[in-house]
Amino acid sequence: MDKFTYISPSSFGGYLKTDSLMKTIISSSRMASIGYFSKIVKENHKKWMKLEDKIKKIKFKHAKTGENIEYRNQLNSYNDELAKTSFILVIFTTIAVEAYIYDYAARHLGDIFVKNHLDKLDTLSKWVIIPELITGKVLSPQQDWQGKLKRLIKARNSITHYKSWDINNNSLVDIEEKLEKFANEVRQSAQQSVGLLKLLADKISEIDPEEAPWVQSYLA
């Protein structure tokens, strides 16, 4: 009887061979830290929600009394913390979805095939093509997972490829509008981060029930 030591997918994600006589290693014998990336997302999303609640309470408290220095300092402090947490959420959500779809492909199609033919695809294309290659089925477009994933990638790129603006060639109004647009894109993706991971996990589970324990542990 084949012997394996199971390591939770949420920790490393694989089965390790313990029987030295065994000649064949199953395709899921891989090491991955995807569950750890998702854990970072979930922990920071809880923090994000608490910060959002504090900001709403501060604004409500001072809605009638008007602004003052204490109010402005509190609001700025919480907004700064919310921005940092949003950056973490966007970056690590992207890492998790990119790492999972690579792992899913490599387990079923092999590292060499993935490296030579799939790895250079953009993230959205991987999520469209890889599940269909493996299962022969397409992920349902319902719940607009593609739109949410596009927004996440756009927000990630806005952070990692951030560009400053020349105040001599842009009015302060234009710069403020660009900053507000950037902040809103990041904030929206941060808010949707945990929901997007769960949604993608559910989509994979729908077309590949045998993958459900893995993807649910990795992402959901």
C-alpha atoms as a PDB file:
ATOM      1  CA  MET A   1       0.000   0.000   0.000  1.00  0.00           C
ATOM      2  CA  ASP A   2       1.331   3.408  -0.919  1.00  0.00           C
ATOM      3  CA  LYS A   3       2.385   5.501   2.031  1.00  0.00           C
ATOM      4  CA  PHE A   4       2.213   9.281   2.131  1.00  0.00           C
ATOM      5  CA  THR A   5       2.608  11.895   4.767  1.00  0.00           C
ATOM      6  CA  TYR A   6      -0.043  14.535   4.260  1.00  0.00           C
ATOM      7  CA  ILE A   7       0.840  18.173   4.719  1.00  0.00           C
ATOM      8  CA  SER A   8      -2.106  20.549   4.816  1.00  0.00           C
ATOM      9  CA  PRO A   9      -2.507  22.466   1.552  1.00  0.00           C
ATOM     10  CA  SER A  10      -2.986  25.605   3.614  1.00  0.00           C
ATOM     11  CA  SER A  11       0.534  25.280   4.973  1.00  0.00           C
ATOM     12  CA  PHE A  12       2.634  23.905   2.151  1.00  0.00           C
ATOM     13  CA  GLY A  13       0.282  22.051  -0.106  1.00  0.00           C
ATOM     14  CA  GLY A  14       1.385  18.570  -0.971  1.00  0.00           C
ATOM     15  CA  TYR A  15       1.917  14.924  -0.210  1.00  0.00           C
ATOM     16  CA  LEU A  16       5.443  13.886   0.660  1.00  0.00           C
ATOM     17  CA  LYS A  17       6.542  10.373  -0.252  1.00  0.00           C
ATOM     18  CA  THR A  18       7.664   8.393   2.785  1.00  0.00           C
ATOM     19  CA  ASP A  19       7.983   4.906   1.249  1.00  0.00           C
ATOM     20  CA  SER A  20      11.466   4.700  -0.253  1.00  0.00           C
ATOM     21  CA  LEU A  21      10.410   1.705  -2.374  1.00  0.00           C
ATOM     22  CA  MET A  22       7.806   3.716  -4.166  1.00  0.00           C
ATOM     23  CA  LYS A  23       8.833   4.621  -7.708  1.00  0.00           C
ATOM     24  CA  THR A  24       6.008   6.934  -8.774  1.00  0.00           C
ATOM     25  CA  ILE A  25       5.276  10.251  -7.108  1.00  0.00           C
ATOM     26  CA  ILE A  26       1.723  11.480  -7.522  1.00  0.00           C
ATOM     27  CA  SER A  27       1.157  14.747  -9.338  1.00  0.00           C
ATOM     28  CA  SER A  28       0.154  16.564  -6.154  1.00  0.00           C
ATOM     29  CA  SER A  29       3.559  15.950  -4.574  1.00  0.00           C
ATOM     30  CA  ARG A  30       4.534  19.594  -4.669  1.00  0.00           C
ATOM     31  CA  MET A  31       5.518  22.219  -2.145  1.00  0.00           C
ATOM     32  CA  ALA A  32       3.739  25.569  -2.165  1.00  0.00           C
ATOM     33  CA  SER A  33       3.125  28.535   0.131  1.00  0.00           C
ATOM     34  CA  ILE A  34      -0.084  29.717  -1.524  1.00  0.00           C
ATOM     35  CA  GLY A  35      -2.137  29.169   1.615  1.00  0.00           C
ATOM     36  CA  TYR A  36       0.241  31.457   3.483  1.00  0.00           C
ATOM     37  CA  PHE A  37      -0.306  34.250   0.938  1.00  0.00           C
ATOM     38  CA  SER A  38      -4.063  33.856   1.321  1.00  0.00           C
ATOM     39  CA  LYS A  39      -3.719  33.942   5.091  1.00  0.00           C
ATOM     40  CA  ILE A  40      -1.968  37.310   4.841  1.00  0.00           C
ATOM     41  CA  VAL A  41      -4.869  38.552   2.717  1.00  0.00           C
ATOM     42  CA  LYS A  42      -7.497  37.361   5.194  1.00  0.00           C
ATOM     43  CA  GLU A  43      -5.693  38.802   8.215  1.00  0.00           C
ATOM     44  CA  ASN A  44      -5.204  42.180   6.579  1.00  0.00           C
ATOM     45  CA  HIS A  45      -8.762  42.266   5.256  1.00  0.00           C
ATOM     46  CA  LYS A  46     -10.039  42.013   8.839  1.00  0.00           C
ATOM     47  CA  LYS A  47      -7.747  44.897   9.749  1.00  0.00           C
ATOM     48  CA  TRP A  48      -8.979  46.838   6.697  1.00  0.00           C
ATOM     49  CA  MET A  49     -12.615  46.399   7.721  1.00  0.00           C
ATOM     50  CA  LYS A  50     -11.900  47.618  11.254  1.00  0.00           C
ATOM     51  CA  LEU A  51     -10.119  50.697   9.915  1.00  0.00           C
ATOM     52  CA  GLU A  52     -13.036  51.432   7.587  1.00  0.00           C
ATOM     53  CA  ASP A  53     -15.407  51.200  10.551  1.00  0.00           C
ATOM     54  CA  LYS A  54     -13.252  53.546  12.650  1.00  0.00           C
ATOM     55  CA  ILE A  55     -13.105  56.105   9.836  1.00  0.00           C
ATOM     56  CA  LYS A  56     -16.894  56.022   9.441  1.00  0.00           C
ATOM     57  CA  LYS A  57     -17.382  56.513  13.184  1.00  0.00           C
ATOM     58  CA  ILE A  58     -14.964  59.456  13.279  1.00  0.00           C
ATOM     59  CA  LYS A  59     -16.723  61.126  10.338  1.00  0.00           C
ATOM     60  CA  PHE A  60     -20.135  60.536  11.919  1.00  0.00           C
ATOM     61  CA  LYS A  61     -18.992  61.893  15.284  1.00  0.00           C
ATOM     62  CA  HIS A  62     -17.736  65.146  13.768  1.00  0.00           C
ATOM     63  CA  ALA A  63     -20.484  65.549  11.162  1.00  0.00           C
ATOM     64  CA  LYS A  64     -22.369  67.995  13.382  1.00  0.00           C
ATOM     65  CA  THR A  65     -19.569  69.497  15.441  1.00  0.00           C
ATOM     66  CA  GLY A  66     -17.424  70.347  12.420  1.00  0.00           C
ATOM     67  CA  GLU A  67     -13.777  69.698  11.716  1.00  0.00           C
ATOM     68  CA  ASN A  68     -10.959  70.464  14.134  1.00  0.00           C
ATOM     69  CA  ILE A  69      -7.286  69.590  14.492  1.00  0.00           C
ATOM     70  CA  GLU A  70      -7.978  66.464  16.556  1.00  0.00           C
ATOM     71  CA  TYR A  71     -10.493  65.229  13.998  1.00  0.00           C
ATOM     72  CA  ARG A  72      -8.162  65.878  11.087  1.00  0.00           C
ATOM     73  CA  ASN A  73      -5.195  64.173  12.795  1.00  0.00           C
ATOM     74  CA  GLN A  74      -7.264  61.084  13.651  1.00  0.00           C
ATOM     75  CA  LEU A  75      -8.700  60.856  10.168  1.00  0.00           C
ATOM     76  CA  ASN A  76      -5.305  61.245   8.503  1.00  0.00           C
ATOM     77  CA  SER A  77      -3.782  58.595  10.748  1.00  0.00           C
ATOM     78  CA  TYR A  78      -6.482  56.031   9.993  1.00  0.00           C
ATOM     79  CA  ASN A  79      -6.503  56.879   6.279  1.00  0.00           C
ATOM     80  CA  ASP A  80      -2.738  56.358   6.111  1.00  0.00           C
ATOM     81  CA  GLU A  81      -3.074  52.973   7.808  1.00  0.00           C
ATOM     82  CA  LEU A  82      -5.957  52.044   5.498  1.00  0.00           C
ATOM     83  CA  ALA A  83      -3.849  52.921   2.440  1.00  0.00           C
ATOM     84  CA  LYS A  84      -0.952  50.743   3.620  1.00  0.00           C
ATOM     85  CA  THR A  85      -3.279  47.858   4.366  1.00  0.00           C
ATOM     86  CA  SER A  86      -4.897  48.279   0.944  1.00  0.00           C
ATOM     87  CA  PHE A  87      -1.492  47.983  -0.732  1.00  0.00           C
ATOM     88  CA  ILE A  88      -0.797  44.756   1.163  1.00  0.00           C
ATOM     89  CA  LEU A  89      -4.180  43.328   0.195  1.00  0.00           C
ATOM     90  CA  VAL A  90      -3.821  44.119  -3.503  1.00  0.00           C
ATOM     91  CA  ILE A  91      -0.261  42.789  -3.744  1.00  0.00           C
ATOM     92  CA  PHE A  92      -0.831  39.551  -1.821  1.00  0.00           C
ATOM     93  CA  THR A  93      -4.190  38.801  -3.424  1.00  0.00           C
ATOM     94  CA  THR A  94      -2.481  39.021  -6.800  1.00  0.00           C
ATOM     95  CA  ILE A  95       0.377  36.822  -5.595  1.00  0.00           C
ATOM     96  CA  ALA A  96      -2.118  34.221  -4.352  1.00  0.00           C
ATOM     97  CA  VAL A  97      -4.170  34.014  -7.557  1.00  0.00           C
ATOM     98  CA  GLU A  98      -1.059  33.935  -9.751  1.00  0.00           C
ATOM     99  CA  ALA A  99       0.648  31.310  -7.594  1.00  0.00           C
ATOM    100  CA  TYR A 100      -2.433  29.096  -7.468  1.00  0.00           C
ATOM    101  CA  ILE A 101      -3.128  29.049 -11.203  1.00  0.00           C
ATOM    102  CA  TYR A 102       0.525  28.175 -11.891  1.00  0.00           C
ATOM    103  CA  ASP A 103       0.424  25.381  -9.318  1.00  0.00           C
ATOM    104  CA  TYR A 104      -2.860  24.070 -10.729  1.00  0.00           C
ATOM    105  CA  ALA A 105      -1.384  23.965 -14.234  1.00  0.00           C
ATOM    106  CA  ALA A 106       1.939  22.458 -13.164  1.00  0.00           C
ATOM    107  CA  ARG A 107       0.284  19.658 -11.178  1.00  0.00           C
ATOM    108  CA  HIS A 108      -1.829  18.610 -14.145  1.00  0.00           C
ATOM    109  CA  LEU A 109       0.207  19.608 -17.205  1.00  0.00           C
ATOM    110  CA  GLY A 110       3.793  19.524 -15.931  1.00  0.00           C
ATOM    111  CA  ASP A 111       6.309  22.272 -15.210  1.00  0.00           C
ATOM    112  CA  ILE A 112       8.027  22.066 -18.595  1.00  0.00           C
ATOM    113  CA  PHE A 113       4.803  22.486 -20.557  1.00  0.00           C
ATOM    114  CA  VAL A 114       3.697  25.374 -18.343  1.00  0.00           C
ATOM    115  CA  LYS A 115       7.066  27.098 -18.588  1.00  0.00           C
ATOM    116  CA  ASN A 116       7.277  26.746 -22.374  1.00  0.00           C
ATOM    117  CA  HIS A 117       3.680  27.477 -23.332  1.00  0.00           C
ATOM    118  CA  LEU A 118       1.667  29.112 -20.546  1.00  0.00           C
ATOM    119  CA  ASP A 119       3.859  31.004 -18.121  1.00  0.00           C
ATOM    120  CA  LYS A 120       4.181  34.134 -20.255  1.00  0.00           C
ATOM    121  CA  LEU A 121       0.427  34.576 -20.587  1.00  0.00           C
ATOM    122  CA  ASP A 122      -1.095  37.412 -18.572  1.00  0.00           C
ATOM    123  CA  THR A 123      -2.882  36.434 -15.370  1.00  0.00           C
ATOM    124  CA  LEU A 124      -6.429  36.727 -16.726  1.00  0.00           C
ATOM    125  CA  SER A 125      -5.572  34.613 -19.776  1.00  0.00           C
ATOM    126  CA  LYS A 126      -4.128  31.920 -17.509  1.00  0.00           C
ATOM    127  CA  TRP A 127      -7.363  31.800 -15.528  1.00  0.00           C
ATOM    128  CA  VAL A 128      -9.352  31.502 -18.744  1.00  0.00           C
ATOM    129  CA  ILE A 129      -7.152  28.985 -20.584  1.00  0.00           C
ATOM    130  CA  ILE A 130      -5.649  26.695 -17.918  1.00  0.00           C
ATOM    131  CA  PRO A 131      -8.895  25.427 -16.341  1.00  0.00           C
ATOM    132  CA  GLU A 132     -10.268  24.644 -19.819  1.00  0.00           C
ATOM    133  CA  LEU A 133      -7.079  22.811 -20.814  1.00  0.00           C
ATOM    134  CA  ILE A 134      -7.307  20.671 -17.681  1.00  0.00           C
ATOM    135  CA  THR A 135     -11.049  20.021 -17.520  1.00  0.00           C
ATOM    136  CA  GLY A 136     -12.371  20.756 -21.011  1.00  0.00           C
ATOM    137  CA  LYS A 137     -14.801  23.212 -19.382  1.00  0.00           C
ATOM    138  CA  VAL A 138     -14.797  26.998 -19.140  1.00  0.00           C
ATOM    139  CA  LEU A 139     -15.198  28.937 -15.923  1.00  0.00           C
ATOM    140  CA  SER A 140     -18.670  30.435 -15.748  1.00  0.00           C
ATOM    141  CA  PRO A 141     -18.621  34.210 -16.409  1.00  0.00           C
ATOM    142  CA  GLN A 142     -21.347  34.730 -13.813  1.00  0.00           C
ATOM    143  CA  GLN A 143     -20.532  37.039 -10.866  1.00  0.00           C
ATOM    144  CA  ASP A 144     -18.093  38.939 -13.109  1.00  0.00           C
ATOM    145  CA  TRP A 145     -14.955  37.229 -11.781  1.00  0.00           C
ATOM    146  CA  GLN A 146     -13.090  38.366 -14.906  1.00  0.00           C
ATOM    147  CA  GLY A 147     -13.934  42.024 -14.300  1.00  0.00           C
ATOM    148  CA  LYS A 148     -12.876  41.797 -10.657  1.00  0.00           C
ATOM    149  CA  LEU A 149      -9.640  40.046 -11.571  1.00  0.00           C
ATOM    150  CA  LYS A 150      -8.908  42.690 -14.226  1.00  0.00           C
ATOM    151  CA  ARG A 151      -9.426  45.445 -11.659  1.00  0.00           C
ATOM    152  CA  LEU A 152      -7.140  43.663  -9.200  1.00  0.00           C
ATOM    153  CA  ILE A 153      -4.338  43.348 -11.757  1.00  0.00           C
ATOM    154  CA  LYS A 154      -4.768  46.974 -12.795  1.00  0.00           C
ATOM    155  CA  ALA A 155      -4.569  48.089  -9.162  1.00  0.00           C
ATOM    156  CA  ARG A 156      -1.495  45.919  -8.588  1.00  0.00           C
ATOM    157  CA  ASN A 157       0.198  47.418 -11.648  1.00  0.00           C
ATOM    158  CA  SER A 158      -0.693  50.932 -10.494  1.00  0.00           C
ATOM    159  CA  ILE A 159       1.138  50.224  -7.233  1.00  0.00           C
ATOM    160  CA  THR A 160       4.163  48.319  -8.521  1.00  0.00           C
ATOM    161  CA  HIS A 161       4.648  50.597 -11.542  1.00  0.00           C
ATOM    162  CA  TYR A 162       3.740  53.799  -9.743  1.00  0.00           C
ATOM    163  CA  LYS A 163       4.590  57.013 -11.579  1.00  0.00           C
ATOM    164  CA  SER A 164       4.871  60.503 -10.162  1.00  0.00           C
ATOM    165  CA  TRP A 165       3.393  63.568 -11.872  1.00  0.00           C
ATOM    166  CA  ASP A 166       5.187  66.711 -12.960  1.00  0.00           C
ATOM    167  CA  ILE A 167       3.459  69.643 -11.265  1.00  0.00           C
ATOM    168  CA  ASN A 168       4.765  71.962 -13.985  1.00  0.00           C
ATOM    169  CA  ASN A 169       2.853  70.082 -16.675  1.00  0.00           C
ATOM    170  CA  ASN A 170      -0.225  69.133 -14.632  1.00  0.00           C
ATOM    171  CA  SER A 171      -2.594  71.352 -12.712  1.00  0.00           C
ATOM    172  CA  LEU A 172      -3.125  70.603  -9.033  1.00  0.00           C
ATOM    173  CA  VAL A 173      -6.725  69.749  -9.860  1.00  0.00           C
ATOM    174  CA  ASP A 174      -5.591  67.165 -12.441  1.00  0.00           C
ATOM    175  CA  ILE A 175      -3.108  65.651 -10.003  1.00  0.00           C
ATOM    176  CA  GLU A 176      -5.741  65.448  -7.257  1.00  0.00           C
ATOM    177  CA  GLU A 177      -8.120  63.718  -9.674  1.00  0.00           C
ATOM    178  CA  LYS A 178      -5.433  61.205 -10.657  1.00  0.00           C
ATOM    179  CA  LEU A 179      -4.577  60.533  -7.025  1.00  0.00           C
ATOM    180  CA  GLU A 180      -8.237  60.062  -6.165  1.00  0.00           C
ATOM    181  CA  LYS A 181      -8.716  57.680  -9.089  1.00  0.00           C
ATOM    182  CA  PHE A 182      -5.635  55.692  -8.036  1.00  0.00           C
ATOM    183  CA  ALA A 183      -6.830  55.542  -4.425  1.00  0.00           C
ATOM    184  CA  ASN A 184     -10.319  54.421  -5.430  1.00  0.00           C
ATOM    185  CA  GLU A 185      -8.992  51.634  -7.687  1.00  0.00           C
ATOM    186  CA  VAL A 186      -6.743  50.300  -4.927  1.00  0.00           C
ATOM    187  CA  ARG A 187      -9.447  50.646  -2.298  1.00  0.00           C
ATOM    188  CA  GLN A 188     -12.050  48.804  -4.379  1.00  0.00           C
ATOM    189  CA  SER A 189      -9.743  45.875  -5.067  1.00  0.00           C
ATOM    190  CA  ALA A 190      -8.673  45.761  -1.424  1.00  0.00           C
ATOM    191  CA  GLN A 191     -12.291  45.612  -0.328  1.00  0.00           C
ATOM    192  CA  GLN A 192     -13.031  42.796  -2.791  1.00  0.00           C
ATOM    193  CA  SER A 193      -9.843  40.818  -2.080  1.00  0.00           C
ATOM    194  CA  VAL A 194     -11.173  38.028   0.162  1.00  0.00           C
ATOM    195  CA  GLY A 195     -14.375  37.799  -1.844  1.00  0.00           C
ATOM    196  CA  LEU A 196     -12.427  37.413  -5.083  1.00  0.00           C
ATOM    197  CA  LEU A 197     -10.301  34.588  -3.675  1.00  0.00           C
ATOM    198  CA  LYS A 198     -13.450  32.768  -2.531  1.00  0.00           C
ATOM    199  CA  LEU A 199     -15.150  33.396  -5.871  1.00  0.00           C
ATOM    200  CA  LEU A 200     -12.231  32.000  -7.875  1.00  0.00           C
ATOM    201  CA  ALA A 201     -12.034  28.971  -5.581  1.00  0.00           C
ATOM    202  CA  ASP A 202     -15.735  28.309  -6.105  1.00  0.00           C
ATOM    203  CA  LYS A 203     -15.398  28.661  -9.888  1.00  0.00           C
ATOM    204  CA  ILE A 204     -12.616  26.063 -10.025  1.00  0.00           C
ATOM    205  CA  SER A 205     -14.577  23.746  -7.710  1.00  0.00           C
ATOM    206  CA  GLU A 206     -17.615  23.927 -10.023  1.00  0.00           C
ATOM    207  CA  ILE A 207     -15.796  22.537 -13.045  1.00  0.00           C
ATOM    208  CA  ASP A 208     -13.235  20.371 -11.225  1.00  0.00           C
ATOM    209  CA  PRO A 209     -14.729  18.841  -8.057  1.00  0.00           C
ATOM    210  CA  GLU A 210     -11.582  16.789  -7.390  1.00  0.00           C
ATOM    211  CA  GLU A 211      -9.616  20.032  -7.140  1.00  0.00           C
ATOM    212  CA  ALA A 212     -12.056  21.507  -4.612  1.00  0.00           C
ATOM    213  CA  PRO A 213     -10.100  20.514  -1.444  1.00  0.00           C
ATOM    214  CA  TRP A 214      -6.946  22.088  -2.861  1.00  0.00           C
ATOM    215  CA  VAL A 215      -8.331  25.324  -4.233  1.00  0.00           C
ATOM    216  CA  GLN A 216     -10.624  25.859  -1.257  1.00  0.00           C
ATOM    217  CA  SER A 217      -7.707  25.388   1.144  1.00  0.00           C
ATOM    218  CA  TYR A 218      -5.372  27.547  -0.929  1.00  0.00           C
ATOM    219  CA  LEU A 219      -7.693  30.466  -1.642  1.00  0.00           C
ATOM    220  CA  ALA A 220     -11.037  30.354   0.186  1.00  0.00           C
END
